[in-house]
Amino acid sequence: MLKFSSTYPKARKVLEQYSKYVIQQGRSILAKQKSSKDGLYRKLKGVINHKLNRDIKGRFTGGSQLPTLSFVMPSYAEYVDQGVRGTNSQKKGYVANGKYSFKKGKKSIKVKNNSALAAWAQKRGLNKWAVAKAVHQRGIKRSLFFTKPFEARFKRYINEYHSAVADDIANNFANQLKKRIKTQSITK
């Protein structure tokens, strides 16, 4: 019986490259929009999860699960990325676009209970109620700092990831066969 145990090195490398690309491009967009001063620029991270297989008692059984990539960022990053439509968005200088809105019919958000916005205002010594009212009226301009780079190369990296996983499995299988043949030829 062949025991399959791979750490998927090529697949992990592809995920690292994709993570690096998305973060670098996202930070570049934030810097161009002069948004790099807040914590969003520094807190945007890609985390590759790589778990080894275990049995019920918690012992390693060999092999591993496919590596997965997840991006970590503050809770308000989605609002900055997708934008928020304010209640007075028709006035000059107010934001008219955005996935989220304070109006009914769209994905609604509440500013009062938004701890990320309150923390941001408090950190800068601003009145959180005044900031909440300004955001409520003006909205937040959509930046797409995460969506643009994520979608720009997603299809390409998915194809590379699948190829890398297939290569890792084939290489591991070939190595296991070599070991098996070698041990059988020694015992004969």
N, C-alpha and C. Protein backbone atom coordinates (compact mmCIF):
# COMPACT_ATOMS: atom_id res chain seq x y z
N MET A 1 0.84 -1.18 0.00
CA MET A 1 0.00 0.00 0.00
C MET A 1 0.89 1.25 0.00
N LEU A 2 0.58 2.17 -0.89
CA LEU A 2 1.32 3.43 -0.95
C LEU A 2 0.65 4.44 -0.02
N LYS A 3 1.45 5.11 0.75
CA LYS A 3 0.95 6.13 1.66
C LYS A 3 1.23 7.48 1.03
N PHE A 4 0.18 8.27 0.84
CA PHE A 4 0.33 9.57 0.20
C PHE A 4 0.53 10.65 1.25
N SER A 5 1.63 11.37 1.16
CA SER A 5 1.87 12.47 2.08
C SER A 5 2.63 13.57 1.36
N SER A 6 1.92 14.62 1.06
CA SER A 6 2.53 15.74 0.33
C SER A 6 2.38 17.02 1.14
N THR A 7 3.33 17.89 0.97
CA THR A 7 3.25 19.21 1.61
C THR A 7 2.89 20.28 0.58
N TYR A 8 2.71 19.90 -0.67
CA TYR A 8 2.31 20.80 -1.75
C TYR A 8 3.20 22.03 -1.85
N PRO A 9 4.49 21.86 -2.10
CA PRO A 9 5.38 23.03 -2.14
C PRO A 9 5.11 23.97 -3.31
N LYS A 10 4.80 23.43 -4.49
CA LYS A 10 4.54 24.31 -5.64
C LYS A 10 3.24 25.09 -5.45
N ALA A 11 2.22 24.42 -4.94
CA ALA A 11 0.94 25.10 -4.71
C ALA A 11 1.10 26.22 -3.68
N ARG A 12 1.87 25.95 -2.66
CA ARG A 12 2.12 26.96 -1.62
C ARG A 12 2.85 28.17 -2.21
N LYS A 13 3.80 27.91 -3.10
CA LYS A 13 4.56 28.99 -3.73
C LYS A 13 3.65 29.88 -4.59
N VAL A 14 2.72 29.24 -5.32
CA VAL A 14 1.77 30.00 -6.15
C VAL A 14 0.89 30.88 -5.26
N LEU A 15 0.42 30.34 -4.14
CA LEU A 15 -0.41 31.13 -3.23
C LEU A 15 0.38 32.29 -2.63
N GLU A 16 1.64 32.07 -2.31
CA GLU A 16 2.48 33.14 -1.78
C GLU A 16 2.66 34.26 -2.81
N GLN A 17 2.85 33.89 -4.08
CA GLN A 17 3.01 34.88 -5.13
C GLN A 17 1.73 35.70 -5.31
N TYR A 18 0.59 35.01 -5.31
CA TYR A 18 -0.69 35.69 -5.49
C TYR A 18 -0.96 36.63 -4.31
N SER A 19 -0.70 36.18 -3.10
CA SER A 19 -0.89 37.00 -1.91
C SER A 19 -0.01 38.25 -1.99
N LYS A 20 1.23 38.05 -2.35
CA LYS A 20 2.18 39.16 -2.46
C LYS A 20 1.71 40.18 -3.50
N TYR A 21 1.21 39.68 -4.63
CA TYR A 21 0.73 40.55 -5.70
C TYR A 21 -0.46 41.39 -5.24
N VAL A 22 -1.46 40.73 -4.65
CA VAL A 22 -2.68 41.43 -4.22
C VAL A 22 -2.36 42.48 -3.17
N ILE A 23 -1.52 42.14 -2.20
CA ILE A 23 -1.17 43.08 -1.14
C ILE A 23 -0.37 44.26 -1.70
N GLN A 24 0.59 43.97 -2.54
CA GLN A 24 1.42 45.03 -3.11
C GLN A 24 0.58 45.99 -3.95
N GLN A 25 -0.30 45.45 -4.80
CA GLN A 25 -1.14 46.30 -5.64
C GLN A 25 -2.16 47.08 -4.80
N GLY A 26 -2.72 46.42 -3.78
CA GLY A 26 -3.67 47.09 -2.90
C GLY A 26 -3.03 48.25 -2.16
N ARG A 27 -1.83 48.03 -1.66
CA ARG A 27 -1.11 49.10 -0.96
C ARG A 27 -0.75 50.23 -1.92
N SER A 28 -0.43 49.87 -3.15
CA SER A 28 -0.12 50.89 -4.15
C SER A 28 -1.34 51.77 -4.42
N ILE A 29 -2.51 51.16 -4.54
CA ILE A 29 -3.75 51.93 -4.77
C ILE A 29 -4.04 52.82 -3.58
N LEU A 30 -3.87 52.29 -2.36
CA LEU A 30 -4.10 53.10 -1.16
C LEU A 30 -3.13 54.27 -1.10
N ALA A 31 -1.88 54.06 -1.48
CA ALA A 31 -0.88 55.13 -1.44
C ALA A 31 -1.22 56.22 -2.46
N LYS A 32 -1.69 55.82 -3.64
CA LYS A 32 -2.07 56.81 -4.66
C LYS A 32 -3.26 57.64 -4.22
N GLN A 33 -4.14 57.04 -3.44
CA GLN A 33 -5.32 57.76 -2.94
C GLN A 33 -5.05 58.45 -1.61
N LYS A 34 -3.80 58.43 -1.20
CA LYS A 34 -3.36 59.06 0.05
C LYS A 34 -4.09 58.48 1.26
N SER A 35 -4.38 57.18 1.20
CA SER A 35 -5.05 56.50 2.31
C SER A 35 -4.07 55.63 3.08
N SER A 36 -2.79 55.76 2.79
CA SER A 36 -1.81 54.86 3.40
C SER A 36 -1.47 55.23 4.83
N LYS A 37 -1.93 56.38 5.29
CA LYS A 37 -1.58 56.82 6.63
C LYS A 37 -2.32 56.05 7.71
N ASP A 38 -3.51 55.57 7.40
CA ASP A 38 -4.26 54.84 8.43
C ASP A 38 -3.78 53.39 8.50
N GLY A 39 -4.34 52.63 9.40
CA GLY A 39 -3.89 51.27 9.67
C GLY A 39 -4.20 50.28 8.57
N LEU A 40 -5.04 50.64 7.63
CA LEU A 40 -5.42 49.72 6.57
C LEU A 40 -4.23 49.32 5.71
N TYR A 41 -3.35 50.26 5.43
CA TYR A 41 -2.17 49.99 4.62
C TYR A 41 -1.28 48.92 5.27
N ARG A 42 -1.06 49.06 6.56
CA ARG A 42 -0.18 48.14 7.27
C ARG A 42 -0.85 46.83 7.65
N LYS A 43 -2.16 46.86 7.85
CA LYS A 43 -2.85 45.68 8.36
C LYS A 43 -3.35 44.73 7.28
N LEU A 44 -3.18 45.06 6.03
CA LEU A 44 -3.57 44.17 4.94
C LEU A 44 -2.54 43.05 4.83
N LYS A 45 -2.99 41.81 5.07
CA LYS A 45 -2.07 40.66 5.08
C LYS A 45 -2.71 39.46 4.41
N GLY A 46 -1.88 38.61 3.87
CA GLY A 46 -2.32 37.33 3.32
C GLY A 46 -1.79 36.21 4.20
N VAL A 47 -2.66 35.27 4.57
CA VAL A 47 -2.27 34.18 5.46
C VAL A 47 -2.51 32.87 4.73
N ILE A 48 -1.46 32.04 4.67
CA ILE A 48 -1.57 30.74 4.03
C ILE A 48 -1.72 29.69 5.13
N ASN A 49 -2.85 29.00 5.11
CA ASN A 49 -3.11 27.95 6.09
C ASN A 49 -2.69 26.62 5.48
N HIS A 50 -1.92 25.89 6.25
CA HIS A 50 -1.38 24.61 5.79
C HIS A 50 -1.50 23.63 6.93
N LYS A 51 -2.52 22.78 6.89
CA LYS A 51 -2.78 21.87 8.00
C LYS A 51 -2.33 20.46 7.65
N LEU A 52 -1.71 19.81 8.62
CA LEU A 52 -1.31 18.41 8.46
C LEU A 52 -2.47 17.53 8.90
N ASN A 53 -2.60 16.36 8.27
CA ASN A 53 -3.68 15.43 8.63
C ASN A 53 -3.41 14.81 9.99
N ARG A 54 -4.47 14.68 10.77
CA ARG A 54 -4.39 14.08 12.10
C ARG A 54 -5.52 13.06 12.25
N ASP A 55 -5.31 12.10 13.15
CA ASP A 55 -6.37 11.14 13.43
C ASP A 55 -7.24 11.67 14.58
N ILE A 56 -8.15 10.86 15.05
CA ILE A 56 -9.09 11.29 16.10
C ILE A 56 -8.36 11.66 17.38
N LYS A 57 -7.29 10.98 17.69
CA LYS A 57 -6.54 11.26 18.92
C LYS A 57 -5.59 12.44 18.79
N GLY A 58 -5.48 13.02 17.59
CA GLY A 58 -4.64 14.18 17.39
C GLY A 58 -3.24 13.87 16.89
N ARG A 59 -2.93 12.60 16.61
CA ARG A 59 -1.61 12.23 16.11
C ARG A 59 -1.54 12.47 14.61
N PHE A 60 -0.35 12.84 14.14
CA PHE A 60 -0.16 13.04 12.71
C PHE A 60 -0.25 11.71 11.98
N THR A 61 -0.99 11.69 10.88
CA THR A 61 -1.16 10.46 10.11
C THR A 61 -0.40 10.52 8.80
N GLY A 62 0.28 11.60 8.54
CA GLY A 62 1.01 11.77 7.29
C GLY A 62 0.15 12.51 6.29
N GLY A 63 0.78 13.23 5.42
CA GLY A 63 0.06 13.99 4.42
C GLY A 63 -0.45 15.30 4.98
N SER A 64 -1.09 16.05 4.14
CA SER A 64 -1.63 17.33 4.56
C SER A 64 -2.80 17.71 3.67
N GLN A 65 -3.53 18.68 4.12
CA GLN A 65 -4.61 19.23 3.32
C GLN A 65 -4.03 20.26 2.39
N LEU A 66 -4.77 20.57 1.33
CA LEU A 66 -4.28 21.58 0.40
C LEU A 66 -4.12 22.91 1.12
N PRO A 67 -3.07 23.65 0.80
CA PRO A 67 -2.90 24.97 1.43
C PRO A 67 -3.99 25.93 0.95
N THR A 68 -4.45 26.78 1.83
CA THR A 68 -5.47 27.77 1.49
C THR A 68 -4.96 29.16 1.82
N LEU A 69 -5.46 30.14 1.08
CA LEU A 69 -5.06 31.53 1.25
C LEU A 69 -6.25 32.33 1.74
N SER A 70 -6.04 33.13 2.76
CA SER A 70 -7.07 34.06 3.21
C SER A 70 -6.42 35.41 3.47
N PHE A 71 -7.17 36.46 3.20
CA PHE A 71 -6.67 37.81 3.40
C PHE A 71 -7.27 38.37 4.68
N VAL A 72 -6.43 39.02 5.48
CA VAL A 72 -6.84 39.58 6.77
C VAL A 72 -6.69 41.09 6.69
N MET A 73 -7.75 41.77 7.12
CA MET A 73 -7.74 43.23 7.14
C MET A 73 -8.77 43.71 8.16
N PRO A 74 -8.71 44.97 8.56
CA PRO A 74 -9.69 45.48 9.54
C PRO A 74 -11.12 45.40 9.00
N SER A 75 -12.07 45.45 9.91
CA SER A 75 -13.48 45.29 9.53
C SER A 75 -13.98 46.40 8.61
N TYR A 76 -13.45 47.60 8.72
CA TYR A 76 -13.93 48.70 7.90
C TYR A 76 -13.35 48.68 6.48
N ALA A 77 -12.45 47.75 6.21
CA ALA A 77 -11.82 47.70 4.89
C ALA A 77 -12.83 47.45 3.78
N GLU A 78 -13.86 46.68 4.08
CA GLU A 78 -14.88 46.41 3.06
C GLU A 78 -15.61 47.69 2.66
N TYR A 79 -15.86 48.57 3.62
CA TYR A 79 -16.53 49.84 3.32
C TYR A 79 -15.64 50.74 2.48
N VAL A 80 -14.35 50.75 2.79
CA VAL A 80 -13.40 51.56 2.02
C VAL A 80 -13.27 51.00 0.61
N ASP A 81 -13.25 49.69 0.49
CA ASP A 81 -13.11 49.04 -0.82
C ASP A 81 -14.36 49.24 -1.68
N GLN A 82 -15.52 48.97 -1.12
CA GLN A 82 -16.76 48.99 -1.90
C GLN A 82 -17.47 50.35 -1.90
N GLY A 83 -17.16 51.19 -0.93
CA GLY A 83 -17.80 52.51 -0.86
C GLY A 83 -19.13 52.46 -0.14
N VAL A 84 -19.54 53.61 0.36
CA VAL A 84 -20.81 53.75 1.06
C VAL A 84 -21.52 54.97 0.49
N ARG A 85 -22.74 54.78 0.07
CA ARG A 85 -23.52 55.88 -0.48
C ARG A 85 -24.17 56.64 0.67
N GLY A 86 -23.94 57.94 0.73
CA GLY A 86 -24.50 58.77 1.79
C GLY A 86 -25.93 59.18 1.50
N THR A 87 -26.57 59.78 2.48
CA THR A 87 -27.96 60.20 2.30
C THR A 87 -28.07 61.45 1.44
N ASN A 88 -27.05 62.30 1.43
CA ASN A 88 -27.06 63.52 0.60
C ASN A 88 -26.08 63.38 -0.55
N SER A 89 -26.11 62.29 -1.24
CA SER A 89 -25.10 62.03 -2.27
C SER A 89 -25.32 62.83 -3.54
N GLN A 90 -26.47 63.51 -3.68
CA GLN A 90 -26.71 64.30 -4.89
C GLN A 90 -26.00 65.65 -4.83
N LYS A 91 -25.66 66.11 -3.64
CA LYS A 91 -24.98 67.40 -3.50
C LYS A 91 -23.55 67.28 -4.03
N LYS A 92 -23.02 68.41 -4.47
CA LYS A 92 -21.67 68.44 -5.02
C LYS A 92 -20.65 68.06 -3.94
N GLY A 93 -19.72 67.18 -4.29
CA GLY A 93 -18.67 66.77 -3.37
C GLY A 93 -19.04 65.55 -2.54
N TYR A 94 -20.24 65.05 -2.71
CA TYR A 94 -20.66 63.88 -1.96
C TYR A 94 -20.54 62.64 -2.83
N VAL A 95 -20.37 61.51 -2.20
CA VAL A 95 -20.13 60.26 -2.91
C VAL A 95 -21.44 59.69 -3.43
N ALA A 96 -21.48 59.37 -4.71
CA ALA A 96 -22.69 58.84 -5.31
C ALA A 96 -22.61 57.33 -5.55
N ASN A 97 -21.43 56.75 -5.46
CA ASN A 97 -21.32 55.32 -5.73
C ASN A 97 -21.08 54.56 -4.44
N GLY A 98 -21.23 53.28 -4.51
CA GLY A 98 -20.96 52.46 -3.35
C GLY A 98 -21.91 51.28 -3.26
N LYS A 99 -21.38 50.17 -2.81
CA LYS A 99 -22.18 48.95 -2.65
C LYS A 99 -23.11 49.08 -1.45
N TYR A 100 -22.66 49.76 -0.42
CA TYR A 100 -23.44 49.92 0.80
C TYR A 100 -24.11 51.29 0.80
N SER A 101 -25.17 51.38 1.56
CA SER A 101 -25.92 52.62 1.60
C SER A 101 -26.59 52.79 2.95
N PHE A 102 -26.97 54.02 3.26
CA PHE A 102 -27.75 54.29 4.45
C PHE A 102 -29.24 54.30 4.11
N LYS A 103 -29.54 54.19 2.82
CA LYS A 103 -30.93 54.18 2.37
C LYS A 103 -31.46 52.76 2.32
N LYS A 104 -32.75 52.62 2.36
CA LYS A 104 -33.37 51.31 2.29
C LYS A 104 -33.25 50.77 0.87
N GLY A 105 -33.21 49.45 0.76
CA GLY A 105 -33.14 48.82 -0.56
C GLY A 105 -31.76 48.31 -0.91
N LYS A 106 -30.72 48.89 -0.35
CA LYS A 106 -29.36 48.41 -0.56
C LYS A 106 -28.87 47.78 0.72
N LYS A 107 -27.67 47.23 0.70
CA LYS A 107 -27.09 46.70 1.93
C LYS A 107 -26.88 47.87 2.88
N SER A 108 -27.59 47.85 3.97
CA SER A 108 -27.60 48.98 4.88
C SER A 108 -26.56 48.80 5.99
N ILE A 109 -25.97 49.91 6.42
CA ILE A 109 -25.05 49.87 7.55
C ILE A 109 -25.50 50.91 8.57
N LYS A 110 -25.13 50.68 9.80
CA LYS A 110 -25.45 51.61 10.88
C LYS A 110 -24.14 52.21 11.37
N VAL A 111 -24.07 53.51 11.38
CA VAL A 111 -22.85 54.18 11.80
C VAL A 111 -22.70 54.18 13.31
N LYS A 112 -23.81 54.32 14.03
CA LYS A 112 -23.73 54.42 15.48
C LYS A 112 -23.05 53.21 16.10
N ASN A 113 -23.40 52.03 15.62
CA ASN A 113 -22.86 50.81 16.20
C ASN A 113 -21.59 50.32 15.51
N ASN A 114 -21.08 51.09 14.59
CA ASN A 114 -19.88 50.68 13.86
C ASN A 114 -18.65 50.98 14.71
N SER A 115 -18.17 49.99 15.41
CA SER A 115 -17.05 50.20 16.33
C SER A 115 -15.77 50.57 15.60
N ALA A 116 -15.60 50.11 14.35
CA ALA A 116 -14.40 50.44 13.59
C ALA A 116 -14.34 51.94 13.31
N LEU A 117 -15.47 52.52 12.95
CA LEU A 117 -15.53 53.95 12.68
C LEU A 117 -15.31 54.76 13.96
N ALA A 118 -15.91 54.31 15.06
CA ALA A 118 -15.74 55.00 16.34
C ALA A 118 -14.29 54.92 16.80
N ALA A 119 -13.67 53.77 16.64
CA ALA A 119 -12.27 53.60 17.03
C ALA A 119 -11.36 54.48 16.18
N TRP A 120 -11.67 54.56 14.88
CA TRP A 120 -10.88 55.39 13.97
C TRP A 120 -10.95 56.85 14.40
N ALA A 121 -12.16 57.32 14.70
CA ALA A 121 -12.33 58.72 15.11
C ALA A 121 -11.65 59.00 16.44
N GLN A 122 -11.80 58.08 17.39
CA GLN A 122 -11.20 58.25 18.71
C GLN A 122 -9.68 58.29 18.62
N LYS A 123 -9.13 57.45 17.76
CA LYS A 123 -7.68 57.37 17.59
C LYS A 123 -7.10 58.70 17.11
N ARG A 124 -7.89 59.44 16.34
CA ARG A 124 -7.43 60.72 15.79
C ARG A 124 -7.89 61.92 16.63
N GLY A 125 -8.57 61.63 17.74
CA GLY A 125 -9.02 62.71 18.61
C GLY A 125 -10.23 63.45 18.07
N LEU A 126 -11.02 62.80 17.24
CA LEU A 126 -12.19 63.43 16.64
C LEU A 126 -13.46 63.00 17.39
N ASN A 127 -14.47 63.80 17.27
CA ASN A 127 -15.75 63.45 17.86
C ASN A 127 -16.38 62.36 17.00
N LYS A 128 -16.63 61.19 17.61
CA LYS A 128 -17.13 60.06 16.82
C LYS A 128 -18.53 60.31 16.27
N TRP A 129 -19.34 61.13 16.96
CA TRP A 129 -20.69 61.42 16.47
C TRP A 129 -20.63 62.34 15.26
N ALA A 130 -19.70 63.29 15.26
CA ALA A 130 -19.56 64.20 14.12
C ALA A 130 -19.04 63.43 12.90
N VAL A 131 -18.10 62.53 13.14
CA VAL A 131 -17.58 61.70 12.05
C VAL A 131 -18.69 60.81 11.50
N ALA A 132 -19.47 60.22 12.39
CA ALA A 132 -20.56 59.35 11.96
C ALA A 132 -21.58 60.13 11.12
N LYS A 133 -21.88 61.36 11.54
CA LYS A 133 -22.85 62.17 10.79
C LYS A 133 -22.28 62.55 9.42
N ALA A 134 -21.00 62.88 9.35
CA ALA A 134 -20.38 63.23 8.08
C ALA A 134 -20.38 62.04 7.12
N VAL A 135 -20.05 60.87 7.65
CA VAL A 135 -20.06 59.67 6.81
C VAL A 135 -21.48 59.35 6.39
N HIS A 136 -22.43 59.54 7.28
CA HIS A 136 -23.83 59.29 6.97
C HIS A 136 -24.30 60.18 5.82
N GLN A 137 -23.90 61.45 5.83
CA GLN A 137 -24.33 62.38 4.79
C GLN A 137 -23.51 62.23 3.51
N ARG A 138 -22.19 62.21 3.64
CA ARG A 138 -21.33 62.19 2.46
C ARG A 138 -21.08 60.81 1.89
N GLY A 139 -20.97 59.83 2.76
CA GLY A 139 -20.63 58.49 2.32
C GLY A 139 -19.12 58.31 2.29
N ILE A 140 -18.68 57.21 1.76
CA ILE A 140 -17.26 56.91 1.62
C ILE A 140 -17.02 56.55 0.16
N LYS A 141 -16.05 57.20 -0.43
CA LYS A 141 -15.76 56.96 -1.84
C LYS A 141 -15.19 55.55 -2.05
N ARG A 142 -15.66 54.89 -3.08
CA ARG A 142 -15.20 53.54 -3.40
C ARG A 142 -13.77 53.60 -3.90
N SER A 143 -12.89 52.75 -3.35
CA SER A 143 -11.49 52.74 -3.76
C SER A 143 -11.12 51.49 -4.54
N LEU A 144 -11.79 50.38 -4.28
CA LEU A 144 -11.49 49.09 -4.92
C LEU A 144 -10.02 48.70 -4.75
N PHE A 145 -9.43 49.07 -3.62
CA PHE A 145 -8.02 48.76 -3.38
C PHE A 145 -7.78 47.26 -3.28
N PHE A 146 -8.76 46.49 -2.86
CA PHE A 146 -8.61 45.05 -2.75
C PHE A 146 -9.24 44.32 -3.94
N THR A 147 -10.40 44.76 -4.36
CA THR A 147 -11.15 44.08 -5.42
C THR A 147 -10.41 44.09 -6.75
N LYS A 148 -9.85 45.23 -7.14
CA LYS A 148 -9.16 45.32 -8.44
C LYS A 148 -8.02 44.32 -8.57
N PRO A 149 -7.03 44.34 -7.67
CA PRO A 149 -5.93 43.38 -7.83
C PRO A 149 -6.37 41.93 -7.62
N PHE A 150 -7.34 41.70 -6.73
CA PHE A 150 -7.81 40.34 -6.48
C PHE A 150 -8.43 39.74 -7.73
N GLU A 151 -9.27 40.49 -8.40
CA GLU A 151 -9.94 39.99 -9.60
C GLU A 151 -9.06 40.04 -10.84
N ALA A 152 -8.08 40.95 -10.87
CA ALA A 152 -7.24 41.10 -12.06
C ALA A 152 -6.48 39.83 -12.42
N ARG A 153 -5.98 39.14 -11.43
CA ARG A 153 -5.18 37.95 -11.71
C ARG A 153 -5.75 36.66 -11.10
N PHE A 154 -6.99 36.71 -10.65
CA PHE A 154 -7.59 35.56 -9.99
C PHE A 154 -7.63 34.33 -10.90
N LYS A 155 -8.12 34.49 -12.10
CA LYS A 155 -8.26 33.35 -13.02
C LYS A 155 -6.89 32.75 -13.35
N ARG A 156 -5.93 33.62 -13.59
CA ARG A 156 -4.57 33.15 -13.91
C ARG A 156 -3.97 32.35 -12.76
N TYR A 157 -4.10 32.88 -11.53
CA TYR A 157 -3.53 32.20 -10.38
C TYR A 157 -4.28 30.92 -10.02
N ILE A 158 -5.57 30.88 -10.27
CA ILE A 158 -6.32 29.64 -10.03
C ILE A 158 -5.81 28.55 -10.97
N ASN A 159 -5.61 28.90 -12.23
CA ASN A 159 -5.07 27.92 -13.19
C ASN A 159 -3.68 27.46 -12.77
N GLU A 160 -2.82 28.38 -12.36
CA GLU A 160 -1.48 28.03 -11.90
C GLU A 160 -1.54 27.17 -10.64
N TYR A 161 -2.47 27.48 -9.75
CA TYR A 161 -2.63 26.72 -8.52
C TYR A 161 -3.03 25.27 -8.82
N HIS A 162 -3.98 25.09 -9.71
CA HIS A 162 -4.41 23.74 -10.07
C HIS A 162 -3.27 22.95 -10.71
N SER A 163 -2.52 23.59 -11.57
CA SER A 163 -1.37 22.92 -12.20
C SER A 163 -0.31 22.55 -11.15
N ALA A 164 -0.08 23.47 -10.22
CA ALA A 164 0.92 23.21 -9.17
C ALA A 164 0.48 22.06 -8.27
N VAL A 165 -0.80 21.99 -7.92
CA VAL A 165 -1.30 20.89 -7.10
C VAL A 165 -1.13 19.57 -7.85
N ALA A 166 -1.47 19.57 -9.12
CA ALA A 166 -1.32 18.35 -9.93
C ALA A 166 0.15 17.93 -10.00
N ASP A 167 1.05 18.89 -10.19
CA ASP A 167 2.48 18.58 -10.22
C ASP A 167 2.96 18.03 -8.88
N ASP A 168 2.51 18.64 -7.78
CA ASP A 168 2.89 18.17 -6.45
C ASP A 168 2.42 16.74 -6.21
N ILE A 169 1.19 16.44 -6.61
CA ILE A 169 0.66 15.09 -6.44
C ILE A 169 1.44 14.09 -7.30
N ALA A 170 1.71 14.46 -8.55
CA ALA A 170 2.45 13.57 -9.44
C ALA A 170 3.87 13.33 -8.93
N ASN A 171 4.54 14.39 -8.48
CA ASN A 171 5.90 14.25 -7.95
C ASN A 171 5.92 13.38 -6.70
N ASN A 172 4.95 13.59 -5.83
CA ASN A 172 4.89 12.79 -4.62
C ASN A 172 4.62 11.32 -4.94
N PHE A 173 3.72 11.08 -5.85
CA PHE A 173 3.38 9.72 -6.24
C PHE A 173 4.60 9.03 -6.86
N ALA A 174 5.32 9.74 -7.73
CA ALA A 174 6.53 9.19 -8.35
C ALA A 174 7.59 8.88 -7.28
N ASN A 175 7.76 9.78 -6.32
CA ASN A 175 8.74 9.55 -5.25
C ASN A 175 8.35 8.34 -4.40
N GLN A 176 7.06 8.21 -4.10
CA GLN A 176 6.60 7.06 -3.32
C GLN A 176 6.83 5.75 -4.08
N LEU A 177 6.57 5.78 -5.40
CA LEU A 177 6.82 4.58 -6.22
C LEU A 177 8.30 4.21 -6.24
N LYS A 178 9.16 5.23 -6.38
CA LYS A 178 10.60 4.98 -6.38
C LYS A 178 11.04 4.32 -5.08
N LYS A 179 10.56 4.87 -3.97
CA LYS A 179 10.91 4.29 -2.67
C LYS A 179 10.42 2.85 -2.57
N ARG A 180 9.20 2.61 -3.03
CA ARG A 180 8.61 1.28 -2.94
C ARG A 180 9.39 0.27 -3.80
N ILE A 181 9.72 0.69 -5.02
CA ILE A 181 10.50 -0.18 -5.91
C ILE A 181 11.87 -0.45 -5.35
N LYS A 182 12.49 0.60 -4.80
CA LYS A 182 13.82 0.47 -4.22
C LYS A 182 13.82 -0.51 -3.05
N THR A 183 12.84 -0.39 -2.17
CA THR A 183 12.78 -1.30 -1.00
C THR A 183 12.44 -2.72 -1.43
N GLN A 184 11.66 -2.90 -2.47
CA GLN A 184 11.33 -4.24 -2.95
C GLN A 184 12.53 -4.89 -3.63
N SER A 185 13.30 -4.08 -4.36
CA SER A 185 14.48 -4.64 -5.04
C SER A 185 15.57 -5.00 -4.03
N ILE A 186 15.63 -4.28 -2.91
CA ILE A 186 16.63 -4.59 -1.88
C ILE A 186 16.25 -5.87 -1.15
N THR A 187 14.97 -6.08 -0.89
CA THR A 187 14.54 -7.25 -0.14
C THR A 187 14.62 -8.53 -0.98
N LYS A 188 14.65 -8.48 -2.29
CA LYS A 188 14.72 -9.69 -3.14
C LYS A 188 16.09 -10.17 -3.32
